[in-house]
Amino acid sequence: MPGQQILIIEESPRERMAFSEILESLGCEVEIALDGTEAQSAIARNDFEMILADFNTPHFSPIRFIQQVKSKSPSTELLFVSARPQVEDAVAAMKEGAVDFMVKPLAPEQLKLCATRIFSRKKNVTQARKSPARKKKPVAIITRDPGMGRLLNLAERVADSSASVLIQGESGTGKELFARYIHEKSNRKNMPFVAVNCAALPEALLESELFGHEKGAFTGALARKLGKFELANNGTVFLDEITEMQFHLQAKLLRVLQEKTVDRVGGMEPVSVDVRVVATTNRDVKESISKGEFREDLYYRLNTIPLTVPPLRDRLEDLPLLCKFFIEKYSILDARDVKGMTRDAFGVLCRQPFAGNIRELENIIHRAVLLADKGMIEPRDLLLEEDESLGDAREKSPGFPYSLEPSPLKEMEEKMIFHTLDKTEGNRTHAAKILGISVRTLRNKLNEYKKTSAA
C-alpha cells in the first residue's frame, strides 16, 4: 500500500484534510483537486491508483469523468461520496465502473477499510496476472432442481456425439453455460470452443466471420482470413441467437452442416471442417418459421438434440443456492466481507419476477455485495422497488431465514412451499403464483415430499 497515488476531489477544506490524513496514514501519496477543472488537469498529468471524489463537486460531471478516467487508465478505482446521495446516482456511477458510493459523513475507519479492500484486490489481480496460467476451472451449473438435473443428464449423454444441439430459453437463463458444459463433457473438450453472436454482427461481416474470405474478395480484404468454422476445426462452434441470422446465410450454414465443408467468400474450392454446432435462441423458432424468417430445414438440422432451459421463476428452489454462489463470488472478486443476506432481503428477492432470469439475479447480488456495509445484505442494498414496501414483502414472502449453509436448503424449500400453501388455504394455483413456479413444478415437489415421508 505505501506509495499508492491517490487523487482526492473535494471542495470542503475540513473533509479534504480529513480524507488526506486517513489515506496518508496508510502510506499513500495524496494529490488534491478542489473542483472538476482541477480534477481534469490532475488526470491528464498522472494515472492514479484510486480517486476519491465528492459526487456533488462544482464544475464536475461524475459519469463523464469516470468514462475519461477508465479510457485512459482502466485499472484506476473510483470511490464516490455524497452528503445528498441519490439511488439513481449510485447505480449510474457503479454501472460505469465506480467501485463504491458512500454516504457522508465518512467515519475514518470506514474509509480506511474501503481503501484497504481496494488495494488488496488490486494486489491480488496483479499477482494473478504474474503467476503461471492455471488450468481452466470446469463449467459448473448450480442447481438442485430435478428438471434441471434431468437436463444436465441429457446434455452429458449426448456430449460425445457429433449431433447438433439447439438450446432454447429466455434471455439470462444460462444457455451459453449449457453450450460450454456440453463442450467440456465431450471428446472435443481439448479443442477450440469458438463463439459467434449472430445478433451482434451486420450481414456482410457475419458471413466473413463465419466462413472466412480470400484476399481481394471485397474492398478491404487485404489478406486471407479463416472463418470461425475453420478456427474451430475438431472443436465446437457456438452460434448464439441463431434466429437473428440473415435468411441467405442460413442456406450457407445448412450446407456446412450437411456437407461438412465451408466456402470462403471469394474462394474457389470448399474447405473440409469437422465441427460440432451448438446453437441458441430466446425466440419461438416455429413462430419465426411461420413468418418466413427462419428456414424450416435448418431448424430440423440444428434441432437434432433439443434442450430447453427453464426460467428462474420455474426453479425458484435454486434461489438460495444461487444467492450463496454469487455472494461468495463477488465477495472474493471485490474483496468484500459479506457473509450472506437477511431474511427480509431474501423475502424481497423471492417476490421479484426475474424477467432477466439468472443474469438479472447475478447483477442484483453483485450490486448488493458492493453496497452492503454490515456483513449481511439488507433490503436497501438490493436497490429494488420492493424495498419501499418491505412490510408487504415480509408478510407475503416465504417465511424462513436464509442461510449460507447448503445442508438445510431442501428443508428450507419444503418449509417455504408448505408455508405458502397454508397462507393460500391449500390453493395450489395461487401458491405456485406466489412462489413464482409452475403448478406442475409444485405438484412434483409435493409428490417428492410424500415419497420421502413414506420412506
Protein backbone atom coordinates (compact mmCIF):
# COMPACT_ATOMS: atom_id res chain seq x y z
CA MET A 1 0.00 0.00 0.00
CA PRO A 2 2.83 2.52 0.62
CA GLY A 3 3.43 4.78 -2.36
CA GLN A 4 -0.06 4.42 -3.82
CA GLN A 5 -1.02 7.54 -5.79
CA ILE A 6 -4.42 8.89 -4.70
CA LEU A 7 -6.44 11.83 -6.04
CA ILE A 8 -8.98 13.48 -3.72
CA ILE A 9 -11.63 15.67 -5.36
CA GLU A 10 -13.32 17.61 -2.57
CA GLU A 11 -14.48 21.22 -2.16
CA SER A 12 -14.72 21.25 1.65
CA PRO A 13 -11.36 22.11 3.34
CA ARG A 14 -12.25 20.20 6.50
CA GLU A 15 -13.14 17.00 4.61
CA ARG A 16 -10.14 17.35 2.30
CA MET A 17 -7.87 17.43 5.30
CA ALA A 18 -9.64 14.51 6.99
CA PHE A 19 -9.52 12.32 3.87
CA SER A 20 -5.86 13.22 3.27
CA GLU A 21 -4.81 12.35 6.81
CA ILE A 22 -6.57 8.99 6.71
CA LEU A 23 -5.04 7.96 3.38
CA GLU A 24 -1.59 9.32 4.21
CA SER A 25 -1.68 7.27 7.42
CA LEU A 26 -1.88 4.23 5.14
CA GLY A 27 1.28 5.37 3.34
CA CYS A 28 -0.46 6.78 0.27
CA GLU A 29 0.71 9.81 -1.73
CA VAL A 30 -2.21 12.23 -1.96
CA GLU A 31 -2.98 14.90 -4.56
CA ILE A 32 -5.86 17.37 -4.11
CA ALA A 33 -8.35 18.83 -6.61
CA LEU A 34 -10.90 21.42 -5.46
CA ASP A 35 -13.28 21.12 -8.40
CA GLY A 36 -13.86 19.40 -11.75
CA THR A 37 -11.46 21.67 -13.62
CA GLU A 38 -8.54 20.82 -11.33
CA ALA A 39 -9.51 17.14 -11.46
CA GLN A 40 -9.27 17.18 -15.27
CA SER A 41 -5.79 18.65 -15.07
CA ALA A 42 -4.73 16.06 -12.49
CA ILE A 43 -5.81 13.01 -14.51
CA ALA A 44 -4.17 14.50 -17.62
CA ARG A 45 -0.83 14.63 -15.73
CA ASN A 46 -0.98 11.39 -13.83
CA ASP A 47 -2.51 7.90 -13.59
CA PHE A 48 -3.83 7.27 -10.08
CA GLU A 49 -4.35 4.02 -8.22
CA MET A 50 -7.52 5.39 -6.66
CA ILE A 51 -9.67 8.53 -6.94
CA LEU A 52 -11.90 9.64 -4.04
CA ALA A 53 -14.44 12.19 -5.28
CA ASP A 54 -17.44 14.05 -3.91
CA PHE A 55 -20.23 13.34 -6.40
CA ASN A 56 -21.54 16.92 -5.99
CA THR A 57 -18.23 18.70 -6.64
CA PRO A 58 -18.61 22.03 -8.57
CA HIS A 59 -17.85 22.02 -12.33
CA PHE A 60 -17.81 18.24 -12.23
CA SER A 61 -19.64 15.67 -14.36
CA PRO A 62 -19.13 12.37 -12.47
CA ILE A 63 -20.30 9.96 -15.18
CA ARG A 64 -18.27 11.64 -17.92
CA PHE A 65 -15.29 11.80 -15.54
CA ILE A 66 -15.48 8.03 -14.89
CA GLN A 67 -15.53 7.37 -18.62
CA GLN A 68 -12.49 9.60 -19.18
CA VAL A 69 -10.52 8.01 -16.35
CA LYS A 70 -11.34 4.46 -17.40
CA SER A 71 -10.44 5.11 -21.05
CA LYS A 72 -7.03 6.46 -20.01
CA SER A 73 -6.29 4.19 -17.03
CA PRO A 74 -8.66 1.17 -16.77
CA SER A 75 -7.07 -0.03 -13.52
CA THR A 76 -7.85 3.20 -11.62
CA GLU A 77 -10.51 2.64 -8.96
CA LEU A 78 -13.09 5.41 -8.37
CA LEU A 79 -14.77 5.82 -4.99
CA PHE A 80 -17.59 8.39 -4.68
CA VAL A 81 -19.02 10.06 -1.58
CA SER A 82 -22.03 12.35 -1.22
CA ALA A 83 -23.89 14.16 1.54
CA ARG A 84 -27.03 14.05 -0.65
CA PRO A 85 -26.98 10.52 -2.08
CA GLN A 86 -29.49 9.52 -4.73
CA VAL A 87 -30.10 5.89 -5.67
CA GLU A 88 -30.03 6.69 -9.39
CA ASP A 89 -26.65 8.44 -8.99
CA ALA A 90 -25.15 5.43 -7.22
CA VAL A 91 -26.48 3.00 -9.81
CA ALA A 92 -25.28 5.14 -12.75
CA ALA A 93 -21.79 5.56 -11.25
CA MET A 94 -21.35 1.87 -10.49
CA LYS A 95 -22.61 0.87 -13.93
CA GLU A 96 -19.84 2.99 -15.44
CA GLY A 97 -17.21 1.32 -13.25
CA ALA A 98 -17.12 3.09 -9.87
CA VAL A 99 -16.07 0.69 -7.12
CA ASP A 100 -18.26 2.17 -4.38
CA PHE A 101 -20.63 5.03 -3.46
CA MET A 102 -20.60 6.07 0.20
CA VAL A 103 -22.61 8.50 2.31
CA LYS A 104 -21.10 11.47 4.14
CA PRO A 105 -20.07 12.00 6.85
CA LEU A 106 -17.48 9.25 6.36
CA ALA A 107 -16.03 7.66 9.50
CA PRO A 108 -12.21 7.31 9.40
CA GLU A 109 -12.39 3.53 9.90
CA GLN A 110 -14.93 3.26 7.09
CA LEU A 111 -12.62 4.98 4.60
CA LYS A 112 -9.60 3.00 5.83
CA LEU A 113 -11.44 -0.29 5.40
CA CYS A 114 -12.69 0.64 1.93
CA ALA A 115 -9.23 1.77 0.75
CA THR A 116 -7.60 -1.35 2.21
CA ARG A 117 -10.07 -3.56 0.34
CA ILE A 118 -9.44 -1.75 -2.94
CA PHE A 119 -5.66 -2.03 -2.67
CA SER A 120 -5.88 -5.64 -1.53
CA ARG A 121 -7.99 -6.54 -4.56
CA LYS A 122 -5.65 -4.71 -6.95
CA LYS A 123 -2.68 -6.55 -5.43
CA ASN A 124 -4.41 -9.91 -5.88
CA VAL A 125 -5.25 -9.14 -9.51
CA THR A 126 -1.64 -8.10 -10.21
CA GLN A 127 -0.28 -11.27 -8.60
CA ALA A 128 -2.75 -13.44 -10.52
CA ARG A 129 -1.61 -11.90 -13.81
CA LYS A 130 2.04 -12.54 -12.97
CA SER A 131 1.51 -16.11 -11.78
CA PRO A 132 1.70 -19.05 -14.25
CA ALA A 133 -1.53 -19.81 -16.09
CA ARG A 134 -3.70 -22.22 -14.17
CA LYS A 135 -5.81 -24.95 -15.58
CA LYS A 136 -9.24 -23.57 -16.51
CA LYS A 137 -11.92 -24.37 -13.96
CA PRO A 138 -14.65 -26.66 -15.29
CA VAL A 139 -18.04 -25.19 -16.08
CA ALA A 140 -20.38 -25.63 -13.12
CA ILE A 141 -24.15 -25.34 -13.42
CA ILE A 142 -25.62 -24.73 -9.97
CA THR A 143 -28.93 -26.43 -9.34
CA ARG A 144 -30.89 -28.75 -7.08
CA ASP A 145 -33.97 -28.64 -9.29
CA PRO A 146 -34.98 -32.12 -10.57
CA GLY A 147 -35.88 -30.75 -14.01
CA MET A 148 -32.51 -29.09 -14.39
CA GLY A 149 -30.88 -32.32 -13.19
CA ARG A 150 -32.58 -34.25 -15.99
CA LEU A 151 -31.48 -31.61 -18.49
CA LEU A 152 -27.85 -31.88 -17.35
CA ASN A 153 -28.05 -35.65 -17.55
CA LEU A 154 -29.30 -35.45 -21.13
CA ALA A 155 -26.55 -32.98 -22.03
CA GLU A 156 -23.89 -35.36 -20.67
CA ARG A 157 -25.35 -38.35 -22.50
CA VAL A 158 -25.22 -36.63 -25.91
CA ALA A 159 -21.98 -34.70 -25.34
CA ASP A 160 -19.72 -37.17 -27.16
CA SER A 161 -21.90 -37.32 -30.26
CA SER A 162 -21.41 -35.08 -33.29
CA ALA A 163 -25.12 -34.21 -33.40
CA SER A 164 -26.10 -30.54 -33.50
CA VAL A 165 -27.75 -29.12 -30.37
CA LEU A 166 -30.38 -26.38 -30.23
CA ILE A 167 -30.74 -24.76 -26.80
CA GLN A 168 -33.87 -22.67 -26.30
CA GLY A 169 -34.81 -20.49 -23.37
CA GLU A 170 -35.39 -16.92 -22.22
CA SER A 171 -32.55 -14.39 -22.06
CA GLY A 172 -30.36 -14.80 -19.00
CA THR A 173 -31.18 -18.45 -18.27
CA GLY A 174 -27.63 -19.68 -18.94
CA LYS A 175 -27.86 -21.08 -22.47
CA GLU A 176 -24.20 -20.34 -23.25
CA LEU A 177 -23.20 -22.02 -19.99
CA PHE A 178 -25.00 -25.16 -21.16
CA ALA A 179 -23.20 -24.97 -24.51
CA ARG A 180 -19.82 -24.79 -22.75
CA TYR A 181 -20.89 -27.60 -20.42
CA ILE A 182 -21.63 -29.85 -23.41
CA HIS A 183 -18.27 -28.99 -24.99
CA GLU A 184 -16.36 -29.76 -21.78
CA LYS A 185 -18.12 -33.09 -21.35
CA SER A 186 -17.38 -34.12 -24.94
CA ASN A 187 -14.35 -35.75 -26.53
CA ARG A 188 -13.69 -32.36 -28.16
CA LYS A 189 -13.01 -30.66 -24.82
CA ASN A 190 -9.31 -30.08 -25.57
CA MET A 191 -10.11 -28.50 -28.94
CA PRO A 192 -11.38 -24.94 -29.59
CA PHE A 193 -14.74 -23.63 -28.41
CA VAL A 194 -15.50 -20.71 -30.76
CA ALA A 195 -18.47 -18.44 -30.00
CA VAL A 196 -20.28 -16.22 -32.52
CA ASN A 197 -23.05 -13.76 -31.59
CA CYS A 198 -25.28 -13.81 -34.68
CA ALA A 199 -27.26 -10.77 -33.45
CA ALA A 200 -24.23 -8.53 -32.90
CA LEU A 201 -22.68 -8.60 -36.39
CA PRO A 202 -24.02 -6.99 -39.59
CA GLU A 203 -24.84 -9.27 -42.51
CA ALA A 204 -21.68 -8.68 -44.59
CA LEU A 205 -19.37 -9.07 -41.61
CA LEU A 206 -21.12 -12.15 -40.23
CA GLU A 207 -20.61 -14.09 -43.46
CA SER A 208 -16.88 -13.34 -43.42
CA GLU A 209 -16.65 -14.11 -39.68
CA LEU A 210 -18.33 -17.49 -40.07
CA PHE A 211 -16.86 -18.75 -43.32
CA GLY A 212 -13.74 -16.62 -43.88
CA HIS A 213 -12.64 -14.83 -47.03
CA GLU A 214 -9.86 -14.83 -49.61
CA LYS A 215 -7.55 -11.93 -50.34
CA GLY A 216 -9.24 -9.46 -52.69
CA ALA A 217 -12.72 -10.94 -52.16
CA PHE A 218 -14.05 -7.45 -51.43
CA THR A 219 -12.77 -3.94 -50.76
CA GLY A 220 -10.53 -4.07 -47.70
CA ALA A 221 -9.83 -7.81 -47.90
CA LEU A 222 -6.06 -7.40 -47.91
CA ALA A 223 -5.28 -10.97 -46.85
CA ARG A 224 -6.91 -14.37 -46.46
CA LYS A 225 -8.93 -14.72 -43.27
CA LEU A 226 -10.04 -18.00 -41.75
CA GLY A 227 -13.63 -18.11 -40.56
CA LYS A 228 -14.91 -19.35 -37.21
CA PHE A 229 -15.70 -22.81 -38.58
CA GLU A 230 -12.11 -23.33 -39.70
CA LEU A 231 -10.77 -21.92 -36.44
CA ALA A 232 -12.98 -24.36 -34.52
CA ASN A 233 -11.96 -27.41 -36.58
CA ASN A 234 -12.28 -30.58 -34.46
CA GLY A 235 -13.95 -28.47 -31.76
CA THR A 236 -17.27 -26.72 -31.19
CA VAL A 237 -18.87 -23.70 -32.86
CA PHE A 238 -21.36 -21.90 -30.62
CA LEU A 239 -23.93 -19.86 -32.59
CA ASP A 240 -25.66 -17.53 -30.14
CA GLU A 241 -29.11 -16.17 -31.12
CA ILE A 242 -29.22 -18.21 -34.32
CA THR A 243 -32.69 -16.91 -35.25
CA GLU A 244 -31.17 -13.45 -35.81
CA MET A 245 -29.07 -14.76 -38.71
CA GLN A 246 -29.99 -13.38 -42.15
CA PHE A 247 -32.04 -15.73 -44.33
CA HIS A 248 -29.50 -16.21 -47.14
CA LEU A 249 -26.74 -17.02 -44.62
CA GLN A 250 -28.96 -19.72 -43.16
CA ALA A 251 -28.70 -21.53 -46.51
CA LYS A 252 -24.90 -21.41 -46.36
CA LEU A 253 -24.95 -22.67 -42.78
CA LEU A 254 -27.23 -25.54 -43.77
CA ARG A 255 -24.73 -26.56 -46.44
CA VAL A 256 -21.91 -26.54 -43.88
CA LEU A 257 -23.91 -28.83 -41.61
CA GLN A 258 -24.81 -31.19 -44.44
CA GLU A 259 -21.55 -31.29 -46.41
CA LYS A 260 -19.03 -30.63 -43.61
CA THR A 261 -17.34 -28.02 -45.82
CA VAL A 262 -17.19 -24.22 -45.88
CA ASP A 263 -16.91 -21.88 -48.85
CA ARG A 264 -14.81 -18.82 -48.07
CA VAL A 265 -16.07 -15.54 -49.52
CA GLY A 266 -14.26 -15.22 -52.85
CA GLY A 267 -12.92 -18.79 -52.56
CA MET A 268 -12.67 -21.25 -55.45
CA GLU A 269 -12.78 -24.56 -53.58
CA PRO A 270 -14.64 -25.77 -50.46
CA VAL A 271 -12.65 -26.44 -47.29
CA SER A 272 -13.41 -29.52 -45.18
CA VAL A 273 -14.19 -28.95 -41.49
CA ASP A 274 -15.14 -31.20 -38.58
CA VAL A 275 -17.08 -29.18 -36.03
CA ARG A 276 -19.90 -29.73 -33.58
CA VAL A 277 -22.53 -26.97 -33.75
CA VAL A 278 -24.41 -25.79 -30.66
CA ALA A 279 -26.94 -23.02 -31.32
CA THR A 280 -29.17 -21.00 -29.00
CA THR A 281 -32.20 -18.77 -29.31
CA ASN A 282 -34.55 -16.90 -26.99
CA ARG A 283 -37.27 -16.70 -29.65
CA ASP A 284 -40.05 -19.10 -30.61
CA VAL A 285 -38.40 -20.84 -33.58
CA LYS A 286 -41.63 -22.23 -35.01
CA GLU A 287 -43.15 -18.74 -34.99
CA SER A 288 -40.07 -17.44 -36.85
CA ILE A 289 -40.53 -20.25 -39.40
CA SER A 290 -44.20 -19.37 -39.92
CA LYS A 291 -43.21 -15.73 -40.52
CA GLY A 292 -40.67 -16.78 -43.14
CA GLU A 293 -37.75 -15.52 -41.03
CA PHE A 294 -36.09 -18.88 -40.36
CA ARG A 295 -35.58 -21.91 -42.58
CA GLU A 296 -37.53 -24.97 -41.51
CA ASP A 297 -34.90 -27.36 -42.93
CA LEU A 298 -32.17 -25.61 -40.90
CA TYR A 299 -34.32 -25.87 -37.78
CA TYR A 300 -34.64 -29.65 -38.12
CA ARG A 301 -30.91 -29.97 -38.84
CA LEU A 302 -29.99 -27.97 -35.72
CA ASN A 303 -32.68 -29.48 -33.53
CA THR A 304 -31.23 -32.99 -33.50
CA ILE A 305 -30.74 -32.62 -29.75
CA PRO A 306 -33.29 -30.12 -28.33
CA LEU A 307 -32.70 -28.61 -24.88
CA THR A 308 -34.97 -26.04 -23.25
CA VAL A 309 -33.53 -24.22 -20.22
CA PRO A 310 -36.30 -23.24 -17.76
CA PRO A 311 -36.61 -19.66 -16.48
CA LEU A 312 -35.59 -18.89 -12.90
CA ARG A 313 -39.23 -18.47 -11.82
CA ASP A 314 -39.77 -22.20 -12.58
CA ARG A 315 -36.77 -23.28 -10.50
CA LEU A 316 -37.17 -20.95 -7.52
CA GLU A 317 -35.85 -23.68 -5.23
CA ASP A 318 -32.41 -22.87 -6.66
CA LEU A 319 -32.60 -19.27 -5.45
CA PRO A 320 -30.83 -19.76 -2.07
CA LEU A 321 -28.07 -21.79 -3.73
CA LEU A 322 -27.55 -19.20 -6.47
CA CYS A 323 -27.54 -16.35 -3.94
CA LYS A 324 -24.88 -18.13 -1.91
CA PHE A 325 -22.75 -18.72 -5.02
CA PHE A 326 -22.91 -15.10 -6.23
CA ILE A 327 -22.33 -13.64 -2.76
CA GLU A 328 -19.19 -15.74 -2.36
CA LYS A 329 -18.05 -14.99 -5.92
CA TYR A 330 -18.28 -11.21 -5.65
CA SER A 331 -17.11 -11.06 -2.04
CA ILE A 332 -13.84 -12.62 -3.24
CA LEU A 333 -13.67 -10.68 -6.51
CA ASP A 334 -14.35 -7.29 -4.89
CA ALA A 335 -12.59 -8.00 -1.59
CA ARG A 336 -15.77 -7.65 0.49
CA ASP A 337 -16.59 -9.35 3.76
CA VAL A 338 -20.21 -10.26 3.07
CA LYS A 339 -21.47 -13.41 4.79
CA GLY A 340 -25.00 -13.64 3.43
CA MET A 341 -28.31 -11.79 3.44
CA THR A 342 -31.01 -11.09 5.97
CA ARG A 343 -34.40 -12.75 5.99
CA ASP A 344 -36.06 -9.51 4.86
CA ALA A 345 -33.67 -9.11 1.92
CA PHE A 346 -34.25 -12.69 0.81
CA GLY A 347 -38.00 -12.14 1.12
CA VAL A 348 -37.78 -9.17 -1.25
CA LEU A 349 -35.78 -11.27 -3.72
CA CYS A 350 -38.35 -14.07 -3.62
CA ARG A 351 -41.01 -11.65 -4.83
CA GLN A 352 -39.09 -10.45 -7.87
CA PRO A 353 -40.41 -11.58 -11.28
CA PHE A 354 -36.83 -12.04 -12.58
CA ALA A 355 -37.63 -11.21 -16.18
CA GLY A 356 -33.88 -11.23 -16.78
CA ASN A 357 -33.50 -14.60 -15.04
CA ILE A 358 -30.15 -15.63 -13.56
CA ARG A 359 -28.28 -12.80 -15.28
CA GLU A 360 -30.58 -10.32 -13.50
CA LEU A 361 -30.12 -12.11 -10.16
CA GLU A 362 -26.34 -12.05 -10.56
CA ASN A 363 -26.36 -8.29 -11.22
CA ILE A 364 -28.60 -7.66 -8.19
CA ILE A 365 -26.35 -9.71 -5.89
CA HIS A 366 -23.17 -8.11 -7.27
CA ARG A 367 -24.59 -4.66 -6.61
CA ALA A 368 -25.76 -5.66 -3.14
CA VAL A 369 -22.34 -7.08 -2.21
CA LEU A 370 -20.77 -3.75 -3.15
CA LEU A 371 -23.33 -1.76 -1.15
CA ALA A 372 -23.54 -3.96 1.96
CA ASP A 373 -21.66 -2.42 4.88
CA LYS A 374 -22.67 -4.63 7.80
CA GLY A 375 -21.51 -8.06 6.67
CA MET A 376 -25.06 -9.04 5.65
CA ILE A 377 -27.06 -7.84 2.65
CA GLU A 378 -30.03 -5.73 3.79
CA PRO A 379 -33.15 -4.97 1.69
CA ARG A 380 -31.86 -1.44 0.98
CA ASP A 381 -28.67 -2.90 -0.55
CA LEU A 382 -30.69 -4.61 -3.29
CA LEU A 383 -31.86 -1.24 -4.71
CA LEU A 384 -35.16 -2.80 -5.75
CA GLU A 385 -38.51 -1.08 -5.86
CA GLU A 386 -39.98 -3.54 -3.37
CA ASP A 387 -37.71 -2.08 -0.68
CA GLU A 388 -40.32 0.66 -0.26
CA SER A 389 -43.00 -1.91 0.65
CA LEU A 390 -40.88 -4.12 2.86
CA GLY A 391 -43.70 -4.73 5.27
CA ASP A 392 -45.76 -6.24 2.48
CA ALA A 393 -42.79 -8.32 1.36
CA ARG A 394 -42.31 -9.67 4.87
CA GLU A 395 -45.92 -10.73 5.01
CA LYS A 396 -46.11 -12.37 1.60
CA SER A 397 -42.61 -13.75 1.07
CA PRO A 398 -41.64 -17.31 2.05
CA GLY A 399 -41.34 -17.44 5.82
CA PHE A 400 -37.92 -18.85 6.52
CA PRO A 401 -34.45 -17.44 7.20
CA TYR A 402 -31.79 -17.51 4.51
CA SER A 403 -28.67 -19.46 5.44
CA LEU A 404 -25.36 -19.83 3.65
CA GLU A 405 -25.10 -23.43 4.78
CA PRO A 406 -26.04 -25.80 1.91
CA SER A 407 -27.29 -28.62 4.11
CA PRO A 408 -30.69 -27.14 5.13
CA LEU A 409 -31.69 -25.94 1.63
CA LYS A 410 -34.04 -28.88 0.98
CA GLU A 411 -35.66 -28.37 4.38
CA MET A 412 -35.94 -24.60 3.70
CA GLU A 413 -37.53 -25.30 0.33
CA GLU A 414 -40.10 -27.64 1.89
CA LYS A 415 -40.95 -25.15 4.63
CA MET A 416 -41.34 -22.38 2.04
CA ILE A 417 -43.78 -24.44 -0.01
CA PHE A 418 -45.93 -25.63 2.91
CA HIS A 419 -45.91 -22.15 4.46
CA THR A 420 -47.25 -20.71 1.21
CA LEU A 421 -49.87 -23.46 0.89
CA ASP A 422 -51.02 -22.64 4.43
CA LYS A 423 -51.34 -18.96 3.50
CA THR A 424 -53.41 -19.83 0.41
CA GLU A 425 -55.51 -22.41 2.29
CA GLY A 426 -54.26 -25.21 0.06
CA ASN A 427 -54.89 -23.44 -3.28
CA ARG A 428 -52.05 -24.85 -5.41
CA THR A 429 -52.57 -22.47 -8.32
CA HIS A 430 -52.39 -19.42 -6.05
CA ALA A 431 -49.44 -20.87 -4.11
CA ALA A 432 -47.49 -21.57 -7.30
CA LYS A 433 -48.08 -18.00 -8.46
CA ILE A 434 -46.78 -16.57 -5.17
CA LEU A 435 -43.74 -18.88 -5.26
CA GLY A 436 -43.04 -17.96 -8.87
CA ILE A 437 -43.10 -21.56 -10.11
CA SER A 438 -45.44 -23.57 -12.31
CA VAL A 439 -48.25 -25.66 -10.86
CA ARG A 440 -46.55 -28.69 -12.37
CA THR A 441 -43.32 -27.98 -10.50
CA LEU A 442 -45.28 -27.55 -7.27
CA ARG A 443 -47.11 -30.84 -7.82
CA ASN A 444 -43.82 -32.66 -8.49
CA LYS A 445 -42.35 -31.23 -5.31
CA LEU A 446 -45.30 -32.33 -3.20
CA ASN A 447 -45.10 -35.84 -4.65
CA GLU A 448 -41.39 -35.88 -3.85
CA TYR A 449 -42.08 -34.94 -0.21
CA LYS A 450 -44.73 -37.70 0.05
CA LYS A 451 -42.23 -40.32 -1.15
CA THR A 452 -39.63 -39.08 1.34
CA SER A 453 -42.04 -39.19 4.29
CA ALA A 454 -43.30 -42.64 3.25
CA ALA A 455 -39.75 -43.94 3.17
